[in-house]
Amino acid sequence: MNNNNSKYLKLLELKNTTSEFRNNQKQRQEQRQRQEQRQRQEQRQEQPRQEQRQEPQQQEQQQEQEQQQEPPRQRIIKSYTEPKINQQDNNSVNVILCSLNNFQEYILVNIKQLVKLGHKNIYVITNKNLTADFESVKDNIIIIYAEDLDEQYNFYNNTKLDKNFRNGFWTLCSLRFFYIYSLMKKYNLVNVFHMENDVLIYYNVSILLPKVKKTKFYTPFDSTKRNIASVIFIPNHEIFKQILDRYNFKENDMFNFPKIYKETELIDVLPIFNDENSSNPEFKFVSKNFSNFGFIFDAAAIGQYLGGIDPRNSNGKDTIGFVNAETVIKYNNYDIYWKESDNIRKPFINIENVEYPIFNLHIHSKNLEKFV
């Protein structure tokens, strides 16, 4: 065979091989296309089933992501929404604190002191969006949401008090009493002691129960014209209603309660001094009931003298040793010191060489940690 024929045969062989390769390639391509088409069809059939299986899991994941993105104060702890209220009787003792619209961190120190003193029924009236702030003490308190209480007086909308100063300070100071009443009425709570959030007590309030009259509302007065509700006692919601029915919505509590005191026999005095027989009528008034209670109660001036006033009122200056101009008792004239009893540091005051226990301190500086 000559060279030309040989080349021709090789070219023909190559052509056939190429043609065969192309045919095979085409067949493989068509096969792949049919396979892919079947796979797509199977996927379309499987997708609804996968979505059904994945939907609960995706919902859970989405809920978890929303909770992680949600600000801590918006989280509602479900176990708080159904408070367990103990059965009430004449010997029941309840403590109610209020944290409305604003969270003040020092209330936690107040609560821990109450727990240390053995208090069991500690109620905190607050807003749902503040729930997370009480996480560290949740096992020791009963949270009551203001949103769940029927505040029938509608005080917030009806009052003429300032709603702007410090996020509504003056309005909230009075509003608390109407929520306390609503809580007491809802659960028929009796023998209620209420403290302001910047107050520390040094004895279990049950020690006062045999000393109070169950027909009276008690509060400290620092003059005949002014009371400061640092610590108060409310026997029941019926008595409290008679007081709140007379409340002037244009005035704050410091001037409402003295007026109601003069007009009725519903209010009595927690003594801030020991001079019941003084010839000075104001000394005598603010000392009323001392022989019965045996404690000095701090309306505000003792805590102000020992710890200074709220730094927001003094541009941050050190005001330890502050003497309250409004109170008739000037505590800078007396020795105040600390003694430990039952593993708790407690304040005492020396008046004419006689030592008297101080039941509470109103820590106006808000530095409660310093006084526990």
Protein backbone atom coordinates (compact mmCIF):
# COMPACT_ATOMS: atom_id res chain seq x y z
CA MET A 1 0.00 0.00 0.00
CA ASN A 2 1.42 3.34 -0.97
CA ASN A 3 1.86 6.23 1.39
CA ASN A 4 -1.15 8.11 0.07
CA ASN A 5 -3.47 5.22 0.78
CA SER A 6 -1.96 4.80 4.20
CA LYS A 7 -2.60 8.44 5.07
CA TYR A 8 -6.12 8.16 3.75
CA LEU A 9 -6.86 5.16 5.94
CA LYS A 10 -5.49 6.90 8.98
CA LEU A 11 -7.57 9.98 8.30
CA LEU A 12 -10.63 7.82 7.78
CA GLU A 13 -9.95 5.99 11.02
CA LEU A 14 -9.46 9.27 12.84
CA LYS A 15 -12.68 10.63 11.36
CA ASN A 16 -14.60 7.55 12.40
CA THR A 17 -13.09 7.70 15.87
CA THR A 18 -13.98 11.38 16.14
CA SER A 19 -17.47 10.74 14.87
CA GLU A 20 -17.87 7.90 17.34
CA PHE A 21 -16.53 10.09 20.14
CA ARG A 22 -18.97 12.83 19.24
CA ASN A 23 -21.84 10.38 19.13
CA ASN A 24 -20.85 8.95 22.45
CA GLN A 25 -20.44 12.44 23.86
CA LYS A 26 -23.87 13.39 22.58
CA GLN A 27 -25.35 10.27 24.12
CA ARG A 28 -23.66 10.97 27.46
CA GLN A 29 -24.85 14.57 27.36
CA GLU A 30 -28.42 13.49 26.61
CA GLN A 31 -28.16 10.94 29.42
CA ARG A 32 -26.92 13.59 31.84
CA GLN A 33 -29.75 15.90 30.81
CA ARG A 34 -32.33 13.17 31.38
CA GLN A 35 -30.73 12.38 34.77
CA GLU A 36 -30.71 16.03 35.77
CA GLN A 37 -34.31 16.38 34.71
CA ARG A 38 -35.28 13.41 36.88
CA GLN A 39 -33.32 14.87 39.80
CA ARG A 40 -35.04 18.23 39.44
CA GLN A 41 -38.40 16.51 39.35
CA GLU A 42 -37.56 14.49 42.44
CA GLN A 43 -36.35 17.64 44.24
CA ARG A 44 -39.59 19.43 43.41
CA GLN A 45 -41.53 16.51 44.87
CA GLU A 46 -39.30 16.33 47.95
CA GLN A 47 -39.21 20.06 48.72
CA PRO A 48 -42.69 20.34 50.28
CA ARG A 49 -41.91 17.39 52.54
CA GLN A 50 -38.60 18.99 53.60
CA GLU A 51 -40.32 22.30 54.29
CA GLN A 52 -42.88 20.54 56.43
CA ARG A 53 -40.12 18.79 58.38
CA GLN A 54 -37.97 21.91 58.70
CA GLU A 55 -40.74 24.40 59.51
CA PRO A 56 -40.88 23.76 63.29
CA GLN A 57 -37.10 23.79 63.53
CA GLN A 58 -36.87 27.00 61.51
CA GLN A 59 -39.52 28.61 63.69
CA GLU A 60 -37.57 27.69 66.82
CA GLN A 61 -34.36 29.06 65.32
CA GLN A 62 -36.14 32.25 64.32
CA GLN A 63 -37.59 32.66 67.83
CA GLU A 64 -34.14 32.14 69.36
CA GLN A 65 -32.64 34.75 67.02
CA GLU A 66 -35.41 37.23 67.89
CA GLN A 67 -34.83 36.66 71.61
CA GLN A 68 -31.10 37.20 71.19
CA GLN A 69 -31.68 40.43 69.28
CA GLU A 70 -34.35 41.62 71.73
CA PRO A 71 -33.18 44.14 74.37
CA PRO A 72 -32.87 42.46 77.82
CA ARG A 73 -35.47 44.75 79.43
CA GLN A 74 -38.12 43.59 76.97
CA ARG A 75 -37.88 39.95 78.00
CA ILE A 76 -40.77 38.77 80.11
CA ILE A 77 -40.11 35.92 82.50
CA LYS A 78 -43.30 33.88 82.41
CA SER A 79 -42.98 32.57 85.95
CA TYR A 80 -43.48 36.13 87.23
CA THR A 81 -46.87 36.63 85.63
CA GLU A 82 -48.84 34.43 88.02
CA PRO A 83 -47.82 35.41 91.55
CA LYS A 84 -48.58 33.06 94.39
CA ILE A 85 -50.22 35.07 97.15
CA ASN A 86 -50.08 33.58 100.63
CA GLN A 87 -53.29 33.29 102.59
CA GLN A 88 -53.78 36.43 104.69
CA ASP A 89 -54.73 36.65 108.35
CA ASN A 90 -54.43 39.23 111.12
CA ASN A 91 -50.82 38.25 111.75
CA SER A 92 -49.72 38.37 108.11
CA VAL A 93 -46.90 40.82 107.37
CA ASN A 94 -46.26 42.10 103.86
CA VAL A 95 -43.65 44.41 102.37
CA ILE A 96 -44.38 46.32 99.17
CA LEU A 97 -41.81 48.18 97.08
CA CYS A 98 -42.45 50.13 93.88
CA SER A 99 -40.31 50.55 90.78
CA LEU A 100 -42.50 52.39 88.29
CA ASN A 101 -41.31 53.47 84.82
CA ASN A 102 -37.68 53.83 85.98
CA PHE A 103 -35.36 51.18 87.39
CA GLN A 104 -33.19 52.33 90.30
CA GLU A 105 -30.44 49.80 90.82
CA TYR A 106 -30.13 50.47 94.55
CA ILE A 107 -33.54 48.87 95.10
CA LEU A 108 -31.69 45.54 94.82
CA VAL A 109 -29.63 46.42 97.92
CA ASN A 110 -32.87 47.28 99.70
CA ILE A 111 -34.36 43.90 98.74
CA LYS A 112 -31.27 41.93 99.78
CA GLN A 113 -31.36 43.63 103.19
CA LEU A 114 -35.03 42.70 103.58
CA VAL A 115 -34.21 39.09 102.73
CA LYS A 116 -31.28 39.06 105.16
CA LEU A 117 -33.65 40.22 107.90
CA GLY A 118 -35.95 37.27 107.21
CA HIS A 119 -38.80 38.87 105.26
CA LYS A 120 -40.83 36.45 103.16
CA ASN A 121 -43.71 38.32 101.52
CA ILE A 122 -41.85 40.94 99.50
CA TYR A 123 -43.91 42.38 96.64
CA VAL A 124 -42.42 44.60 93.95
CA ILE A 125 -44.81 46.58 91.77
CA THR A 126 -43.08 47.31 88.49
CA ASN A 127 -43.56 47.43 84.73
CA LYS A 128 -43.25 44.44 82.42
CA ASN A 129 -40.34 45.97 80.52
CA LEU A 130 -38.31 46.17 83.75
CA THR A 131 -38.63 42.46 84.59
CA ALA A 132 -35.09 41.51 83.62
CA ASP A 133 -33.63 44.06 86.04
CA PHE A 134 -34.85 41.94 88.97
CA GLU A 135 -33.27 38.71 87.72
CA SER A 136 -30.75 38.57 90.59
CA VAL A 137 -33.48 38.67 93.27
CA LYS A 138 -36.35 36.95 91.45
CA ASP A 139 -36.41 34.00 93.85
CA ASN A 140 -36.95 36.26 96.87
CA ILE A 141 -39.70 38.56 95.61
CA ILE A 142 -43.18 38.47 94.14
CA ILE A 143 -43.32 40.68 91.07
CA ILE A 144 -46.62 42.40 90.39
CA TYR A 145 -47.01 44.17 87.08
CA ALA A 146 -48.53 47.64 87.22
CA GLU A 147 -50.16 46.85 83.88
CA ASP A 148 -52.17 44.09 85.58
CA LEU A 149 -53.52 46.30 88.37
CA ASP A 150 -56.74 48.27 88.16
CA GLU A 151 -55.65 51.76 89.17
CA GLN A 152 -59.18 53.10 89.51
CA TYR A 153 -58.20 56.66 90.49
CA ASN A 154 -56.41 57.20 87.15
CA PHE A 155 -53.97 59.35 89.09
CA TYR A 156 -51.31 59.65 86.39
CA ASN A 157 -53.69 61.25 83.90
CA ASN A 158 -55.54 63.37 86.44
CA THR A 159 -52.68 64.79 88.49
CA LYS A 160 -51.26 68.27 87.94
CA LEU A 161 -47.86 67.29 89.33
CA ASP A 162 -44.73 67.65 87.19
CA LYS A 163 -44.25 64.71 84.81
CA ASN A 164 -40.96 65.91 83.28
CA PHE A 165 -38.49 66.32 86.15
CA ARG A 166 -36.28 63.20 86.33
CA ASN A 167 -38.59 61.09 84.22
CA GLY A 168 -41.68 61.94 86.23
CA PHE A 169 -40.22 61.88 89.75
CA TRP A 170 -42.90 63.99 91.46
CA THR A 171 -45.79 62.23 89.77
CA LEU A 172 -44.39 58.75 90.44
CA CYS A 173 -43.81 59.55 94.13
CA SER A 174 -47.56 59.87 94.56
CA LEU A 175 -48.62 57.34 91.93
CA ARG A 176 -47.03 54.54 93.97
CA PHE A 177 -49.68 54.88 96.69
CA PHE A 178 -52.50 54.27 94.23
CA TYR A 179 -50.82 51.15 92.87
CA ILE A 180 -50.16 49.91 96.41
CA TYR A 181 -53.85 50.36 97.15
CA SER A 182 -54.78 48.48 93.96
CA LEU A 183 -52.53 45.57 94.91
CA MET A 184 -53.84 45.44 98.47
CA LYS A 185 -57.42 45.46 97.28
CA LYS A 186 -56.87 42.85 94.55
CA TYR A 187 -55.37 40.29 96.95
CA ASN A 188 -56.84 41.61 100.20
CA LEU A 189 -53.37 42.19 101.65
CA VAL A 190 -53.21 43.39 105.25
CA ASN A 191 -50.46 44.70 107.53
CA VAL A 192 -48.47 46.26 104.72
CA PHE A 193 -45.16 48.03 105.24
CA HIS A 194 -43.84 50.12 102.37
CA MET A 195 -40.35 51.61 102.05
CA GLU A 196 -38.95 53.97 99.50
CA ASN A 197 -36.31 52.36 97.31
CA ASP A 198 -33.41 54.28 98.88
CA VAL A 199 -34.33 53.19 102.41
CA LEU A 200 -32.60 50.50 104.45
CA ILE A 201 -34.24 48.96 107.50
CA TYR A 202 -32.31 47.14 110.22
CA TYR A 203 -35.04 45.07 111.89
CA ASN A 204 -37.74 42.75 110.62
CA VAL A 205 -40.94 44.78 110.31
CA SER A 206 -42.87 42.10 112.21
CA ILE A 207 -41.40 43.59 115.39
CA LEU A 208 -43.63 46.63 114.82
CA LEU A 209 -46.88 44.75 114.30
CA PRO A 210 -47.84 44.51 118.01
CA LYS A 211 -47.19 48.24 118.37
CA VAL A 212 -49.43 49.62 115.60
CA LYS A 213 -53.17 50.22 115.68
CA LYS A 214 -54.96 48.35 112.93
CA THR A 215 -57.12 51.40 112.22
CA LYS A 216 -54.23 53.77 111.48
CA PHE A 217 -51.90 54.63 108.62
CA TYR A 218 -48.41 55.41 110.02
CA THR A 219 -45.70 57.63 108.53
CA PRO A 220 -42.80 59.74 109.89
CA PHE A 221 -43.23 63.52 110.10
CA ASP A 222 -40.21 65.83 110.29
CA SER A 223 -42.35 68.86 111.19
CA THR A 224 -46.01 69.57 111.84
CA LYS A 225 -46.38 70.60 108.21
CA ARG A 226 -44.51 67.85 106.40
CA ASN A 227 -44.23 64.07 106.37
CA ILE A 228 -41.76 61.94 104.42
CA ALA A 229 -43.03 58.46 103.56
CA SER A 230 -39.69 56.72 103.90
CA VAL A 231 -41.39 53.92 105.85
CA ILE A 232 -45.15 53.60 106.18
CA PHE A 233 -47.64 51.12 107.61
CA ILE A 234 -51.04 50.47 106.00
CA PRO A 235 -53.39 48.17 107.93
CA ASN A 236 -55.78 47.32 105.06
CA HIS A 237 -57.14 48.64 101.80
CA GLU A 238 -60.37 49.97 103.38
CA ILE A 239 -58.44 52.41 105.60
CA PHE A 240 -56.15 53.32 102.74
CA LYS A 241 -59.11 54.09 100.46
CA GLN A 242 -60.48 56.61 102.95
CA ILE A 243 -57.12 58.39 102.84
CA LEU A 244 -56.71 58.31 99.06
CA ASP A 245 -60.27 59.55 98.58
CA ARG A 246 -59.08 62.77 100.24
CA TYR A 247 -55.83 63.02 98.28
CA ASN A 248 -55.33 66.34 96.50
CA PHE A 249 -54.00 65.54 93.01
CA LYS A 250 -52.36 68.96 92.80
CA GLU A 251 -50.09 68.33 95.81
CA ASN A 252 -47.42 65.72 96.53
CA ASP A 253 -47.58 63.22 99.38
CA MET A 254 -45.42 65.31 101.75
CA PHE A 255 -48.22 67.85 102.05
CA ASN A 256 -51.23 65.61 101.44
CA PHE A 257 -50.77 63.33 104.43
CA PRO A 258 -50.30 66.15 107.00
CA LYS A 259 -53.52 67.74 105.76
CA ILE A 260 -55.41 64.45 106.00
CA TYR A 261 -53.85 63.89 109.44
CA LYS A 262 -55.45 67.13 110.67
CA GLU A 263 -58.80 66.45 109.02
CA THR A 264 -59.28 62.83 110.13
CA GLU A 265 -58.12 60.29 112.66
CA LEU A 266 -56.80 57.95 109.99
CA ILE A 267 -53.09 58.83 110.19
CA ASP A 268 -50.60 58.48 113.04
CA VAL A 269 -46.90 59.20 113.62
CA LEU A 270 -43.76 57.10 113.41
CA PRO A 271 -41.44 59.02 115.76
CA ILE A 272 -38.20 60.61 114.54
CA PHE A 273 -37.20 61.68 118.08
CA ASN A 274 -37.75 60.65 121.70
CA ASP A 275 -39.09 63.85 123.32
CA GLU A 276 -42.81 63.08 123.72
CA ASN A 277 -43.14 65.46 126.68
CA SER A 278 -41.31 68.39 125.14
CA SER A 279 -42.54 71.92 125.75
CA ASN A 280 -41.74 72.53 122.08
CA PRO A 281 -44.93 71.51 120.22
CA GLU A 282 -43.04 70.46 117.08
CA PHE A 283 -40.55 68.33 119.03
CA LYS A 284 -43.49 66.78 120.84
CA PHE A 285 -45.38 66.08 117.62
CA VAL A 286 -42.53 64.40 115.72
CA SER A 287 -41.78 62.31 118.85
CA LYS A 288 -45.34 61.04 119.20
CA ASN A 289 -45.61 57.30 119.97
CA PHE A 290 -41.91 56.94 120.83
CA SER A 291 -42.61 55.25 124.17
CA ASN A 292 -44.73 52.71 122.30
CA PHE A 293 -42.33 51.93 119.45
CA GLY A 294 -38.97 52.39 121.19
CA PHE A 295 -37.31 53.18 117.83
CA ILE A 296 -36.17 56.33 116.09
CA PHE A 297 -37.42 56.38 112.49
CA ASP A 298 -35.52 58.30 109.85
CA ALA A 299 -37.76 60.45 107.68
CA ALA A 300 -34.75 61.72 105.70
CA ALA A 301 -32.42 63.85 107.80
CA ILE A 302 -30.36 61.12 109.53
CA GLY A 303 -29.46 59.45 106.24
CA GLN A 304 -28.67 62.85 104.74
CA TYR A 305 -26.41 63.70 107.66
CA LEU A 306 -24.54 60.38 107.53
CA GLY A 307 -24.29 59.93 103.76
CA GLY A 308 -25.01 63.29 102.19
CA ILE A 309 -27.72 64.20 99.72
CA ASP A 310 -28.41 62.99 96.19
CA PRO A 311 -25.30 64.01 94.18
CA ARG A 312 -27.60 65.22 91.40
CA ASN A 313 -28.74 67.94 93.80
CA SER A 314 -25.21 69.07 94.64
CA ASN A 315 -23.40 68.90 91.29
CA GLY A 316 -21.54 65.84 92.56
CA LYS A 317 -20.03 67.57 95.60
CA ASP A 318 -19.38 65.68 98.85
CA THR A 319 -22.24 66.59 101.19
CA ILE A 320 -21.62 64.20 104.09
CA GLY A 321 -22.65 66.03 107.25
CA PHE A 322 -25.57 67.73 105.51
CA VAL A 323 -28.09 69.29 107.92
CA ASN A 324 -31.66 69.31 106.64
CA ALA A 325 -33.12 72.78 107.06
CA GLU A 326 -36.74 71.58 107.01
CA THR A 327 -36.66 69.07 109.84
CA VAL A 328 -37.11 70.31 113.38
CA ILE A 329 -34.54 67.82 114.72
CA LYS A 330 -30.90 68.62 113.94
CA TYR A 331 -29.09 65.30 114.13
CA ASN A 332 -25.64 66.87 113.95
CA ASN A 333 -26.15 67.64 117.66
CA TYR A 334 -26.11 63.95 118.56
CA ASP A 335 -23.71 61.02 118.32
CA ILE A 336 -24.72 58.38 115.79
CA TYR A 337 -22.73 55.16 115.63
CA TRP A 338 -22.88 51.52 114.59
CA LYS A 339 -23.07 48.25 116.51
CA GLU A 340 -23.33 44.71 115.21
CA SER A 341 -26.24 42.53 116.24
CA ASP A 342 -27.47 39.28 114.67
CA ASN A 343 -24.73 39.61 112.02
CA ILE A 344 -26.14 42.97 110.89
CA ARG A 345 -24.61 46.40 111.42
CA LYS A 346 -27.23 48.63 113.02
CA PRO A 347 -27.23 52.38 113.69
CA PHE A 348 -27.87 53.92 117.12
CA ILE A 349 -28.23 57.47 118.38
CA ASN A 350 -27.12 58.82 121.74
CA ILE A 351 -29.51 61.40 123.18
CA GLU A 352 -28.52 62.80 126.57
CA ASN A 353 -26.34 59.75 127.30
CA VAL A 354 -29.07 57.25 126.47
CA GLU A 355 -28.71 54.93 123.49
CA TYR A 356 -31.67 54.46 121.15
CA PRO A 357 -31.95 52.13 118.13
CA ILE A 358 -32.60 53.64 114.70
CA PHE A 359 -35.08 51.50 112.78
CA ASN A 360 -34.20 52.69 109.27
CA LEU A 361 -32.01 55.04 107.28
CA HIS A 362 -33.18 57.06 104.30
CA ILE A 363 -30.05 57.00 102.13
CA HIS A 364 -30.63 60.12 100.08
CA SER A 365 -27.18 59.79 98.45
CA LYS A 366 -28.38 56.44 96.93
CA ASN A 367 -25.16 54.77 98.10
CA LEU A 368 -26.95 52.01 100.01
CA GLU A 369 -24.03 49.58 99.86
CA LYS A 370 -22.12 51.77 102.27
CA PHE A 371 -24.75 51.32 104.98
CA VAL A 372 -25.35 47.56 105.02
